[in-house]
Structures are given as structure tokens and as C-alpha cells.
Amino acid sequence: MADYLHETHFRMKGLIGYDLLKKNVERLKSGEVNYLIGQRPAMQGYGGIKALSSYVVFKRPVEPKRYMPIDILIKDNIDFYFEFE
């Protein structure tokens, strides 16, 4: 969507991007995207492997739902986010 808007020189007041891909971060910094949602995929993968090994190896029950944090990033804080990741 951001590519299409960029090519047609069309702007939206509130465009939200999904995932911290390089192109999405560039669009955020340029102001073409207003917000990016980061999911922390490494943390999600770690939680999945931990739950699987706990169930298979230790026969512990697994919680059916596990809520994970998401990060809402703007161009003012995107550089600090990568610093602490």
C-alpha cells in the first residue's frame, strides 16, 4: 500500500504499517507512514519453542493463550527502538 501511495504521490492522514521491514521503516522516517506495529517475532518464536519443549519434555500443560506485547512506533522513536532490541 505504501509503495502504491508513494508512486501515485497520494498521502493519507493516518497510515499504519505492519512489521519492521527495512522499506516500512524508511517510509515511516519519510513521513509516508505514520505508525508501525512491531510484533517482536524473536520473542514469539522463543515462547513457542519454550512451550513446545515444556510440553514434550516435561509433560507440563500448555496455556491455550499467551498474550505477547506489540510495539507502536513513530518516526520520533524508531531509532531508539533498534538501539534496545
C-alpha atoms as a PDB file:
ATOM      1  CA  MET A   1       0.000   0.000   0.000  1.00  0.00           C
ATOM      2  CA  ALA A   2       2.776   2.430   0.912  1.00  0.00           C
ATOM      3  CA  ASP A   3       4.520   1.714  -2.401  1.00  0.00           C
ATOM      4  CA  TYR A   4       1.343   2.493  -4.337  1.00  0.00           C
ATOM      5  CA  LEU A   5       0.777   5.700  -2.407  1.00  0.00           C
ATOM      6  CA  HIS A   6       4.401   6.680  -2.951  1.00  0.00           C
ATOM      7  CA  GLU A   7       4.217   6.080  -6.709  1.00  0.00           C
ATOM      8  CA  THR A   8       0.945   7.983  -7.105  1.00  0.00           C
ATOM      9  CA  HIS A   9       2.052  10.825  -4.781  1.00  0.00           C
ATOM     10  CA  PHE A  10      -1.102  10.305  -2.726  1.00  0.00           C
ATOM     11  CA  ARG A  11      -0.959  10.910   1.029  1.00  0.00           C
ATOM     12  CA  MET A  12      -3.202   9.576   3.771  1.00  0.00           C
ATOM     13  CA  LYS A  13      -3.624  11.277   7.133  1.00  0.00           C
ATOM     14  CA  GLY A  14      -3.161   8.143   9.216  1.00  0.00           C
ATOM     15  CA  LEU A  15      -1.397   5.232   7.567  1.00  0.00           C
ATOM     16  CA  ILE A  16      -0.357   2.365   9.824  1.00  0.00           C
ATOM     17  CA  GLY A  17       2.311  -0.092   8.700  1.00  0.00           C
ATOM     18  CA  TYR A  18       2.824  -3.627   9.912  1.00  0.00           C
ATOM     19  CA  ASP A  19       6.214  -5.214  10.611  1.00  0.00           C
ATOM     20  CA  LEU A  20       9.603  -3.592  10.932  1.00  0.00           C
ATOM     21  CA  LEU A  21      10.836  -4.324   7.443  1.00  0.00           C
ATOM     22  CA  LYS A  22      13.521  -2.027   6.050  1.00  0.00           C
ATOM     23  CA  LYS A  23      11.172  -0.494   3.472  1.00  0.00           C
ATOM     24  CA  ASN A  24       8.491   0.120   6.117  1.00  0.00           C
ATOM     25  CA  VAL A  25      10.994   1.853   8.398  1.00  0.00           C
ATOM     26  CA  GLU A  26      12.117   4.057   5.502  1.00  0.00           C
ATOM     27  CA  ARG A  27       8.501   5.024   4.790  1.00  0.00           C
ATOM     28  CA  LEU A  28       7.994   5.806   8.481  1.00  0.00           C
ATOM     29  CA  LYS A  29      11.063   8.039   8.601  1.00  0.00           C
ATOM     30  CA  SER A  30       9.982   9.862   5.436  1.00  0.00           C
ATOM     31  CA  GLY A  31       6.527  10.539   6.898  1.00  0.00           C
ATOM     32  CA  GLU A  32       4.624   8.454   4.348  1.00  0.00           C
ATOM     33  CA  VAL A  33       3.630   6.008   7.089  1.00  0.00           C
ATOM     34  CA  ASN A  34       2.541   7.457  10.439  1.00  0.00           C
ATOM     35  CA  TYR A  35       2.855   4.398  12.664  1.00  0.00           C
ATOM     36  CA  LEU A  36       4.471   0.969  12.525  1.00  0.00           C
ATOM     37  CA  ILE A  37       3.386  -2.014  14.568  1.00  0.00           C
ATOM     38  CA  GLY A  38       6.219  -4.282  15.698  1.00  0.00           C
ATOM     39  CA  GLN A  39       5.435  -7.809  16.848  1.00  0.00           C
ATOM     40  CA  ARG A  40       8.777  -8.954  18.265  1.00  0.00           C
ATOM     41  CA  PRO A  41       8.970 -12.171  16.227  1.00  0.00           C
ATOM     42  CA  ALA A  42      12.063 -13.430  18.080  1.00  0.00           C
ATOM     43  CA  MET A  43      10.162 -13.282  21.376  1.00  0.00           C
ATOM     44  CA  GLN A  44       7.174 -15.064  19.803  1.00  0.00           C
ATOM     45  CA  GLY A  45       9.412 -17.816  18.415  1.00  0.00           C
ATOM     46  CA  TYR A  46      11.177 -18.234  21.746  1.00  0.00           C
ATOM     47  CA  GLY A  47       7.841 -18.508  23.566  1.00  0.00           C
ATOM     48  CA  GLY A  48       6.594 -21.115  21.096  1.00  0.00           C
ATOM     49  CA  ILE A  49       9.704 -23.296  21.398  1.00  0.00           C
ATOM     50  CA  LYS A  50       9.676 -22.935  25.172  1.00  0.00           C
ATOM     51  CA  ALA A  51       6.016 -24.037  25.373  1.00  0.00           C
ATOM     52  CA  LEU A  52       6.613 -26.948  22.992  1.00  0.00           C
ATOM     53  CA  SER A  53       9.650 -28.221  24.877  1.00  0.00           C
ATOM     54  CA  SER A  54       7.908 -27.795  28.209  1.00  0.00           C
ATOM     55  CA  TYR A  55       5.015 -29.908  26.937  1.00  0.00           C
ATOM     56  CA  VAL A  56       7.051 -32.587  25.151  1.00  0.00           C
ATOM     57  CA  VAL A  57       9.998 -32.950  27.531  1.00  0.00           C
ATOM     58  CA  PHE A  58       8.486 -32.129  30.923  1.00  0.00           C
ATOM     59  CA  LYS A  59       4.836 -33.099  30.239  1.00  0.00           C
ATOM     60  CA  ARG A  60       3.630 -29.760  31.599  1.00  0.00           C
ATOM     61  CA  PRO A  61       0.304 -28.363  30.404  1.00  0.00           C
ATOM     62  CA  VAL A  62       0.459 -25.501  27.918  1.00  0.00           C
ATOM     63  CA  GLU A  63      -1.605 -22.353  28.303  1.00  0.00           C
ATOM     64  CA  PRO A  64      -4.065 -22.142  25.389  1.00  0.00           C
ATOM     65  CA  LYS A  65      -3.459 -18.385  25.024  1.00  0.00           C
ATOM     66  CA  ARG A  66      -0.363 -16.384  25.655  1.00  0.00           C
ATOM     67  CA  TYR A  67      -0.566 -12.670  25.052  1.00  0.00           C
ATOM     68  CA  MET A  68       2.511 -11.045  23.592  1.00  0.00           C
ATOM     69  CA  PRO A  69       3.452  -7.378  23.573  1.00  0.00           C
ATOM     70  CA  ILE A  70       3.377  -5.296  20.436  1.00  0.00           C
ATOM     71  CA  ASP A  71       5.206  -2.044  19.886  1.00  0.00           C
ATOM     72  CA  ILE A  72       3.735   1.042  18.267  1.00  0.00           C
ATOM     73  CA  LEU A  73       6.493   3.078  16.688  1.00  0.00           C
ATOM     74  CA  ILE A  74       6.625   6.568  15.255  1.00  0.00           C
ATOM     75  CA  LYS A  75       9.408   8.356  13.439  1.00  0.00           C
ATOM     76  CA  ASP A  76      10.452  10.065  16.687  1.00  0.00           C
ATOM     77  CA  ASN A  77      11.217   6.802  18.494  1.00  0.00           C
ATOM     78  CA  ILE A  78      12.139   4.304  15.748  1.00  0.00           C
ATOM     79  CA  ASP A  79      15.908   4.840  16.073  1.00  0.00           C
ATOM     80  CA  PHE A  80      15.796   4.243  19.834  1.00  0.00           C
ATOM     81  CA  TYR A  81      13.792   1.050  19.354  1.00  0.00           C
ATOM     82  CA  PHE A  82      16.534  -0.637  17.342  1.00  0.00           C
ATOM     83  CA  GLU A  83      19.084   0.517  19.898  1.00  0.00           C
ATOM     84  CA  PHE A  84      17.458  -1.550  22.672  1.00  0.00           C
ATOM     85  CA  GLU A  85      16.225  -4.545  20.687  1.00  0.00           C
END
